[in-house]
Amino acid sequence: MTLTLDISESLKARVDAIARRSRLSASEVIADALENGYSLEWQEQYLDRVEAGLAAADAGDFASEDDLARVRNKHRSG
């Protein structure tokens, strides 16, 4: 189905920016917003958090060995 929308240039710029960052098409970004209720603001914030997490991991700012051991042992019996 083809649908044509008249939206402001600023809204189009936001959709296009999300599309570039997420490697989706503008149509997929809009469909995600409509189908799943993920507003453009939510999508922007999600991408910000993903990018921040990846940057932290690349910088080695990740869980310590003690943190990992604590998680592994948390649910062990005995």
PDB file of N, CA and C in Angstrom:
ATOM      1  N   MET A   1       0.844  -1.168   0.000  1.00  0.00           N
ATOM      2  CA  MET A   1       0.000   0.000   0.000  1.00  0.00           C
ATOM      3  C   MET A   1       0.890   1.232   0.000  1.00  0.00           C
ATOM      4  N   THR A   2       0.550   2.188  -0.761  1.00  0.00           N
ATOM      5  CA  THR A   2       1.262   3.456  -0.809  1.00  0.00           C
ATOM      6  C   THR A   2       0.406   4.509  -0.141  1.00  0.00           C
ATOM      7  N   LEU A   3       1.053   5.296   0.723  1.00  0.00           N
ATOM      8  CA  LEU A   3       0.370   6.359   1.430  1.00  0.00           C
ATOM      9  C   LEU A   3       1.240   7.601   1.351  1.00  0.00           C
ATOM     10  N   THR A   4       0.633   8.710   1.039  1.00  0.00           N
ATOM     11  CA  THR A   4       1.366   9.963   0.962  1.00  0.00           C
ATOM     12  C   THR A   4       0.986  10.828   2.143  1.00  0.00           C
ATOM     13  N   LEU A   5       1.996  11.354   2.832  1.00  0.00           N
ATOM     14  CA  LEU A   5       1.759  12.198   3.996  1.00  0.00           C
ATOM     15  C   LEU A   5       2.359  13.576   3.768  1.00  0.00           C
ATOM     16  N   ASP A   6       1.667  14.587   4.209  1.00  0.00           N
ATOM     17  CA  ASP A   6       2.210  15.937   4.228  1.00  0.00           C
ATOM     18  C   ASP A   6       2.672  16.203   5.651  1.00  0.00           C
ATOM     19  N   ILE A   7       3.999  16.249   5.850  1.00  0.00           N
ATOM     20  CA  ILE A   7       4.545  16.524   7.172  1.00  0.00           C
ATOM     21  C   ILE A   7       5.531  17.683   7.069  1.00  0.00           C
ATOM     22  N   SER A   8       5.784  18.301   8.195  1.00  0.00           N
ATOM     23  CA  SER A   8       6.697  19.450   8.200  1.00  0.00           C
ATOM     24  C   SER A   8       8.116  18.993   7.864  1.00  0.00           C
ATOM     25  N   GLU A   9       8.910  19.944   7.426  1.00  0.00           N
ATOM     26  CA  GLU A   9      10.315  19.638   7.104  1.00  0.00           C
ATOM     27  C   GLU A   9      11.071  19.165   8.344  1.00  0.00           C
ATOM     28  N   SER A  10      10.761  19.737   9.504  1.00  0.00           N
ATOM     29  CA  SER A  10      11.462  19.324  10.724  1.00  0.00           C
ATOM     30  C   SER A  10      11.099  17.894  11.110  1.00  0.00           C
ATOM     31  N   LEU A  11       9.847  17.511  10.927  1.00  0.00           N
ATOM     32  CA  LEU A  11       9.431  16.135  11.213  1.00  0.00           C
ATOM     33  C   LEU A  11      10.067  15.178  10.218  1.00  0.00           C
ATOM     34  N   LYS A  12      10.106  15.548   8.956  1.00  0.00           N
ATOM     35  CA  LYS A  12      10.746  14.715   7.937  1.00  0.00           C
ATOM     36  C   LYS A  12      12.228  14.543   8.252  1.00  0.00           C
ATOM     37  N   ALA A  13      12.875  15.606   8.712  1.00  0.00           N
ATOM     38  CA  ALA A  13      14.297  15.524   9.065  1.00  0.00           C
ATOM     39  C   ALA A  13      14.517  14.549  10.217  1.00  0.00           C
ATOM     40  N   ARG A  14      13.618  14.567  11.210  1.00  0.00           N
ATOM     41  CA  ARG A  14      13.736  13.627  12.329  1.00  0.00           C
ATOM     42  C   ARG A  14      13.558  12.192  11.867  1.00  0.00           C
ATOM     43  N   VAL A  15      12.554  11.938  11.033  1.00  0.00           N
ATOM     44  CA  VAL A  15      12.325  10.584  10.503  1.00  0.00           C
ATOM     45  C   VAL A  15      13.545  10.126   9.710  1.00  0.00           C
ATOM     46  N   ASP A  16      14.059  10.996   8.858  1.00  0.00           N
ATOM     47  CA  ASP A  16      15.231  10.648   8.040  1.00  0.00           C
ATOM     48  C   ASP A  16      16.457  10.367   8.910  1.00  0.00           C
ATOM     49  N   ALA A  17      16.634  11.151   9.979  1.00  0.00           N
ATOM     50  CA  ALA A  17      17.777  10.942  10.876  1.00  0.00           C
ATOM     51  C   ALA A  17      17.656   9.597  11.599  1.00  0.00           C
ATOM     52  N   ILE A  18      16.466   9.267  12.057  1.00  0.00           N
ATOM     53  CA  ILE A  18      16.247   7.972  12.708  1.00  0.00           C
ATOM     54  C   ILE A  18      16.497   6.849  11.716  1.00  0.00           C
ATOM     55  N   ALA A  19      16.025   7.014  10.502  1.00  0.00           N
ATOM     56  CA  ALA A  19      16.218   5.996   9.464  1.00  0.00           C
ATOM     57  C   ALA A  19      17.705   5.749   9.218  1.00  0.00           C
ATOM     58  N   ARG A  20      18.485   6.817   9.108  1.00  0.00           N
ATOM     59  CA  ARG A  20      19.936   6.658   8.888  1.00  0.00           C
ATOM     60  C   ARG A  20      20.594   5.948  10.061  1.00  0.00           C
ATOM     61  N   ARG A  21      20.271   6.397  11.270  1.00  0.00           N
ATOM     62  CA  ARG A  21      20.906   5.837  12.466  1.00  0.00           C
ATOM     63  C   ARG A  21      20.542   4.376  12.676  1.00  0.00           C
ATOM     64  N   SER A  22      19.323   4.005  12.332  1.00  0.00           N
ATOM     65  CA  SER A  22      18.844   2.637  12.582  1.00  0.00           C
ATOM     66  C   SER A  22      18.981   1.725  11.373  1.00  0.00           C
ATOM     67  N   ARG A  23      19.418   2.303  10.255  1.00  0.00           N
ATOM     68  CA  ARG A  23      19.548   1.562   8.994  1.00  0.00           C
ATOM     69  C   ARG A  23      18.201   0.983   8.529  1.00  0.00           C
ATOM     70  N   LEU A  24      17.147   1.746   8.802  1.00  0.00           N
ATOM     71  CA  LEU A  24      15.813   1.418   8.320  1.00  0.00           C
ATOM     72  C   LEU A  24      15.414   2.455   7.286  1.00  0.00           C
ATOM     73  N   SER A  25      14.378   2.151   6.540  1.00  0.00           N
ATOM     74  CA  SER A  25      13.845   3.157   5.628  1.00  0.00           C
ATOM     75  C   SER A  25      12.936   4.092   6.417  1.00  0.00           C
ATOM     76  N   ALA A  26      12.665   5.265   5.864  1.00  0.00           N
ATOM     77  CA  ALA A  26      11.738   6.195   6.506  1.00  0.00           C
ATOM     78  C   ALA A  26      10.374   5.538   6.684  1.00  0.00           C
ATOM     79  N   SER A  27       9.959   4.747   5.708  1.00  0.00           N
ATOM     80  CA  SER A  27       8.681   4.039   5.809  1.00  0.00           C
ATOM     81  C   SER A  27       8.670   3.066   6.987  1.00  0.00           C
ATOM     82  N   GLU A  28       9.791   2.385   7.195  1.00  0.00           N
ATOM     83  CA  GLU A  28       9.870   1.440   8.323  1.00  0.00           C
ATOM     84  C   GLU A  28       9.833   2.164   9.669  1.00  0.00           C
ATOM     85  N   VAL A  29      10.462   3.330   9.743  1.00  0.00           N
ATOM     86  CA  VAL A  29      10.436   4.122  10.977  1.00  0.00           C
ATOM     87  C   VAL A  29       9.000   4.539  11.292  1.00  0.00           C
ATOM     88  N   ILE A  30       8.300   5.037  10.287  1.00  0.00           N
ATOM     89  CA  ILE A  30       6.921   5.474  10.485  1.00  0.00           C
ATOM     90  C   ILE A  30       6.017   4.286  10.796  1.00  0.00           C
ATOM     91  N   ALA A  31       6.206   3.169  10.103  1.00  0.00           N
ATOM     92  CA  ALA A  31       5.398   1.977  10.368  1.00  0.00           C
ATOM     93  C   ALA A  31       5.622   1.496  11.798  1.00  0.00           C
ATOM     94  N   ASP A  32       6.876   1.536  12.285  1.00  0.00           N
ATOM     95  CA  ASP A  32       7.170   1.127  13.657  1.00  0.00           C
ATOM     96  C   ASP A  32       6.437   2.022  14.646  1.00  0.00           C
ATOM     97  N   ALA A  33       6.429   3.311  14.363  1.00  0.00           N
ATOM     98  CA  ALA A  33       5.719   4.246  15.236  1.00  0.00           C
ATOM     99  C   ALA A  33       4.222   3.946  15.253  1.00  0.00           C
ATOM    100  N   LEU A  34       3.659   3.678  14.107  1.00  0.00           N
ATOM    101  CA  LEU A  34       2.223   3.425  14.024  1.00  0.00           C
ATOM    102  C   LEU A  34       1.833   2.050  14.554  1.00  0.00           C
ATOM    103  N   GLU A  35       2.599   1.034  14.215  1.00  0.00           N
ATOM    104  CA  GLU A  35       2.248  -0.338  14.602  1.00  0.00           C
ATOM    105  C   GLU A  35       2.543  -0.632  16.071  1.00  0.00           C
ATOM    106  N   ASN A  36       3.640  -0.084  16.588  1.00  0.00           N
ATOM    107  CA  ASN A  36       4.088  -0.447  17.928  1.00  0.00           C
ATOM    108  C   ASN A  36       4.005   0.687  18.933  1.00  0.00           C
ATOM    109  N   GLY A  37       3.601   1.843  18.487  1.00  0.00           N
ATOM    110  CA  GLY A  37       3.449   2.966  19.391  1.00  0.00           C
ATOM    111  C   GLY A  37       4.752   3.610  19.811  1.00  0.00           C
ATOM    112  N   TYR A  38       5.837   3.371  19.065  1.00  0.00           N
ATOM    113  CA  TYR A  38       7.127   3.960  19.397  1.00  0.00           C
ATOM    114  C   TYR A  38       7.238   5.325  18.744  1.00  0.00           C
ATOM    115  N   SER A  39       7.030   6.365  19.545  1.00  0.00           N
ATOM    116  CA  SER A  39       7.090   7.729  19.024  1.00  0.00           C
ATOM    117  C   SER A  39       8.486   8.021  18.486  1.00  0.00           C
ATOM    118  N   LEU A  40       8.587   9.083  17.724  1.00  0.00           N
ATOM    119  CA  LEU A  40       9.903   9.486  17.222  1.00  0.00           C
ATOM    120  C   LEU A  40      10.835   9.810  18.383  1.00  0.00           C
ATOM    121  N   GLU A  41      10.307  10.461  19.415  1.00  0.00           N
ATOM    122  CA  GLU A  41      11.126  10.774  20.587  1.00  0.00           C
ATOM    123  C   GLU A  41      11.640   9.492  21.239  1.00  0.00           C
ATOM    124  N   TRP A  42      10.769   8.487  21.384  1.00  0.00           N
ATOM    125  CA  TRP A  42      11.188   7.218  21.975  1.00  0.00           C
ATOM    126  C   TRP A  42      12.277   6.582  21.116  1.00  0.00           C
ATOM    127  N   GLN A  43      12.090   6.573  19.800  1.00  0.00           N
ATOM    128  CA  GLN A  43      13.077   5.972  18.910  1.00  0.00           C
ATOM    129  C   GLN A  43      14.417   6.708  18.987  1.00  0.00           C
ATOM    130  N   GLU A  44      14.379   8.027  19.055  1.00  0.00           N
ATOM    131  CA  GLU A  44      15.618   8.816  19.182  1.00  0.00           C
ATOM    132  C   GLU A  44      16.338   8.489  20.483  1.00  0.00           C
ATOM    133  N   GLN A  45      15.592   8.435  21.586  1.00  0.00           N
ATOM    134  CA  GLN A  45      16.197   8.126  22.881  1.00  0.00           C
ATOM    135  C   GLN A  45      16.752   6.704  22.912  1.00  0.00           C
ATOM    136  N   TYR A  46      16.045   5.766  22.314  1.00  0.00           N
ATOM    137  CA  TYR A  46      16.517   4.381  22.244  1.00  0.00           C
ATOM    138  C   TYR A  46      17.851   4.319  21.494  1.00  0.00           C
ATOM    139  N   LEU A  47      17.916   4.973  20.354  1.00  0.00           N
ATOM    140  CA  LEU A  47      19.163   4.968  19.578  1.00  0.00           C
ATOM    141  C   LEU A  47      20.291   5.645  20.343  1.00  0.00           C
ATOM    142  N   ASP A  48      19.982   6.721  21.089  1.00  0.00           N
ATOM    143  CA  ASP A  48      20.992   7.376  21.928  1.00  0.00           C
ATOM    144  C   ASP A  48      21.552   6.395  22.960  1.00  0.00           C
ATOM    145  N   ARG A  49      20.653   5.631  23.613  1.00  0.00           N
ATOM    146  CA  ARG A  49      21.094   4.676  24.638  1.00  0.00           C
ATOM    147  C   ARG A  49      21.910   3.540  24.031  1.00  0.00           C
ATOM    148  N   VAL A  50      21.509   3.043  22.881  1.00  0.00           N
ATOM    149  CA  VAL A  50      22.265   1.980  22.215  1.00  0.00           C
ATOM    150  C   VAL A  50      23.659   2.475  21.848  1.00  0.00           C
ATOM    151  N   GLU A  51      23.727   3.659  21.253  1.00  0.00           N
ATOM    152  CA  GLU A  51      25.025   4.215  20.854  1.00  0.00           C
ATOM    153  C   GLU A  51      25.915   4.470  22.066  1.00  0.00           C
ATOM    154  N   ALA A  52      25.333   4.950  23.175  1.00  0.00           N
ATOM    155  CA  ALA A  52      26.115   5.180  24.391  1.00  0.00           C
ATOM    156  C   ALA A  52      26.640   3.857  24.954  1.00  0.00           C
ATOM    157  N   GLY A  53      25.811   2.826  24.930  1.00  0.00           N
ATOM    158  CA  GLY A  53      26.239   1.510  25.415  1.00  0.00           C
ATOM    159  C   GLY A  53      27.352   0.924  24.565  1.00  0.00           C
ATOM    160  N   LEU A  54      27.239   1.071  23.256  1.00  0.00           N
ATOM    161  CA  LEU A  54      28.285   0.572  22.367  1.00  0.00           C
ATOM    162  C   LEU A  54      29.591   1.331  22.569  1.00  0.00           C
ATOM    163  N   ALA A  55      29.498   2.646  22.744  1.00  0.00           N
ATOM    164  CA  ALA A  55      30.700   3.450  22.978  1.00  0.00           C
ATOM    165  C   ALA A  55      31.356   3.053  24.292  1.00  0.00           C
ATOM    166  N   ALA A  56      30.547   2.815  25.329  1.00  0.00           N
ATOM    167  CA  ALA A  56      31.096   2.402  26.619  1.00  0.00           C
ATOM    168  C   ALA A  56      31.775   1.043  26.503  1.00  0.00           C
ATOM    169  N   ALA A  57      31.138   0.130  25.802  1.00  0.00           N
ATOM    170  CA  ALA A  57      31.741  -1.198  25.621  1.00  0.00           C
ATOM    171  C   ALA A  57      33.034  -1.100  24.822  1.00  0.00           C
ATOM    172  N   ASP A  58      33.055  -0.288  23.784  1.00  0.00           N
ATOM    173  CA  ASP A  58      34.272  -0.103  22.983  1.00  0.00           C
ATOM    174  C   ASP A  58      35.398   0.495  23.810  1.00  0.00           C
ATOM    175  N   ALA A  59      35.033   1.335  24.808  1.00  0.00           N
ATOM    176  CA  ALA A  59      36.038   1.977  25.665  1.00  0.00           C
ATOM    177  C   ALA A  59      36.454   1.075  26.821  1.00  0.00           C
ATOM    178  N   GLY A  60      35.879  -0.132  26.888  1.00  0.00           N
ATOM    179  CA  GLY A  60      36.218  -1.058  27.960  1.00  0.00           C
ATOM    180  C   GLY A  60      35.479  -0.775  29.252  1.00  0.00           C
ATOM    181  N   ASP A  61      34.520   0.140  29.207  1.00  0.00           N
ATOM    182  CA  ASP A  61      33.733   0.482  30.385  1.00  0.00           C
ATOM    183  C   ASP A  61      32.569  -0.490  30.470  1.00  0.00           C
ATOM    184  N   PHE A  62      32.859  -1.652  30.992  1.00  0.00           N
ATOM    185  CA  PHE A  62      31.896  -2.733  30.996  1.00  0.00           C
ATOM    186  C   PHE A  62      31.917  -3.376  32.364  1.00  0.00           C
ATOM    187  N   ALA A  63      31.223  -4.435  32.550  1.00  0.00           N
ATOM    188  CA  ALA A  63      31.180  -5.130  33.835  1.00  0.00           C
ATOM    189  C   ALA A  63      32.560  -5.699  34.177  1.00  0.00           C
ATOM    190  N   SER A  64      32.900  -5.592  35.458  1.00  0.00           N
ATOM    191  CA  SER A  64      34.166  -6.170  35.921  1.00  0.00           C
ATOM    192  C   SER A  64      34.008  -7.683  36.069  1.00  0.00           C
ATOM    193  N   GLU A  65      35.118  -8.363  36.270  1.00  0.00           N
ATOM    194  CA  GLU A  65      35.060  -9.808  36.498  1.00  0.00           C
ATOM    195  C   GLU A  65      34.248 -10.121  37.748  1.00  0.00           C
ATOM    196  N   ASP A  66      34.386  -9.292  38.784  1.00  0.00           N
ATOM    197  CA  ASP A  66      33.600  -9.486  40.011  1.00  0.00           C
ATOM    198  C   ASP A  66      32.111  -9.323  39.744  1.00  0.00           C
ATOM    199  N   ASP A  67      31.756  -8.327  38.932  1.00  0.00           N
ATOM    200  CA  ASP A  67      30.352  -8.134  38.570  1.00  0.00           C
ATOM    201  C   ASP A  67      29.807  -9.355  37.842  1.00  0.00           C
ATOM    202  N   LEU A  68      30.577  -9.867  36.905  1.00  0.00           N
ATOM    203  CA  LEU A  68      30.137 -11.042  36.140  1.00  0.00           C
ATOM    204  C   LEU A  68      30.006 -12.257  37.037  1.00  0.00           C
ATOM    205  N   ALA A  69      30.956 -12.451  37.944  1.00  0.00           N
ATOM    206  CA  ALA A  69      30.895 -13.591  38.863  1.00  0.00           C
ATOM    207  C   ALA A  69      29.664 -13.485  39.758  1.00  0.00           C
ATOM    208  N   ARG A  70      29.361 -12.280  40.223  1.00  0.00           N
ATOM    209  CA  ARG A  70      28.197 -12.081  41.079  1.00  0.00           C
ATOM    210  C   ARG A  70      26.913 -12.464  40.335  1.00  0.00           C
ATOM    211  N   VAL A  71      26.815 -12.082  39.075  1.00  0.00           N
ATOM    212  CA  VAL A  71      25.634 -12.424  38.281  1.00  0.00           C
ATOM    213  C   VAL A  71      25.566 -13.934  38.039  1.00  0.00           C
ATOM    214  N   ARG A  72      26.712 -14.533  37.691  1.00  0.00           N
ATOM    215  CA  ARG A  72      26.728 -15.985  37.449  1.00  0.00           C
ATOM    216  C   ARG A  72      26.324 -16.767  38.694  1.00  0.00           C
ATOM    217  N   ASN A  73      26.749 -16.312  39.848  1.00  0.00           N
ATOM    218  CA  ASN A  73      26.504 -17.045  41.093  1.00  0.00           C
ATOM    219  C   ASN A  73      25.172 -16.703  41.750  1.00  0.00           C
ATOM    220  N   LYS A  74      24.511 -15.700  41.270  1.00  0.00           N
ATOM    221  CA  LYS A  74      23.291 -15.223  41.912  1.00  0.00           C
ATOM    222  C   LYS A  74      22.230 -16.307  42.031  1.00  0.00           C
ATOM    223  N   HIS A  75      22.081 -17.097  41.001  1.00  0.00           N
ATOM    224  CA  HIS A  75      20.984 -18.081  40.989  1.00  0.00           C
ATOM    225  C   HIS A  75      21.482 -19.523  41.094  1.00  0.00           C
ATOM    226  N   ARG A  76      22.726 -19.701  41.421  1.00  0.00           N
ATOM    227  CA  ARG A  76      23.235 -21.058  41.627  1.00  0.00           C
ATOM    228  C   ARG A  76      22.714 -21.596  42.954  1.00  0.00           C
ATOM    229  N   SER A  77      22.372 -22.861  42.933  1.00  0.00           N
ATOM    230  CA  SER A  77      21.916 -23.480  44.188  1.00  0.00           C
ATOM    231  C   SER A  77      23.138 -24.017  44.929  1.00  0.00           C
ATOM    232  N   GLY A  78      23.001 -24.080  46.221  1.00  0.00           N
ATOM    233  CA  GLY A  78      23.983 -24.759  47.015  1.00  0.00           C
ATOM    234  C   GLY A  78      25.034 -23.989  47.576  1.00  0.00           C
TER     235      GLY A  78
END
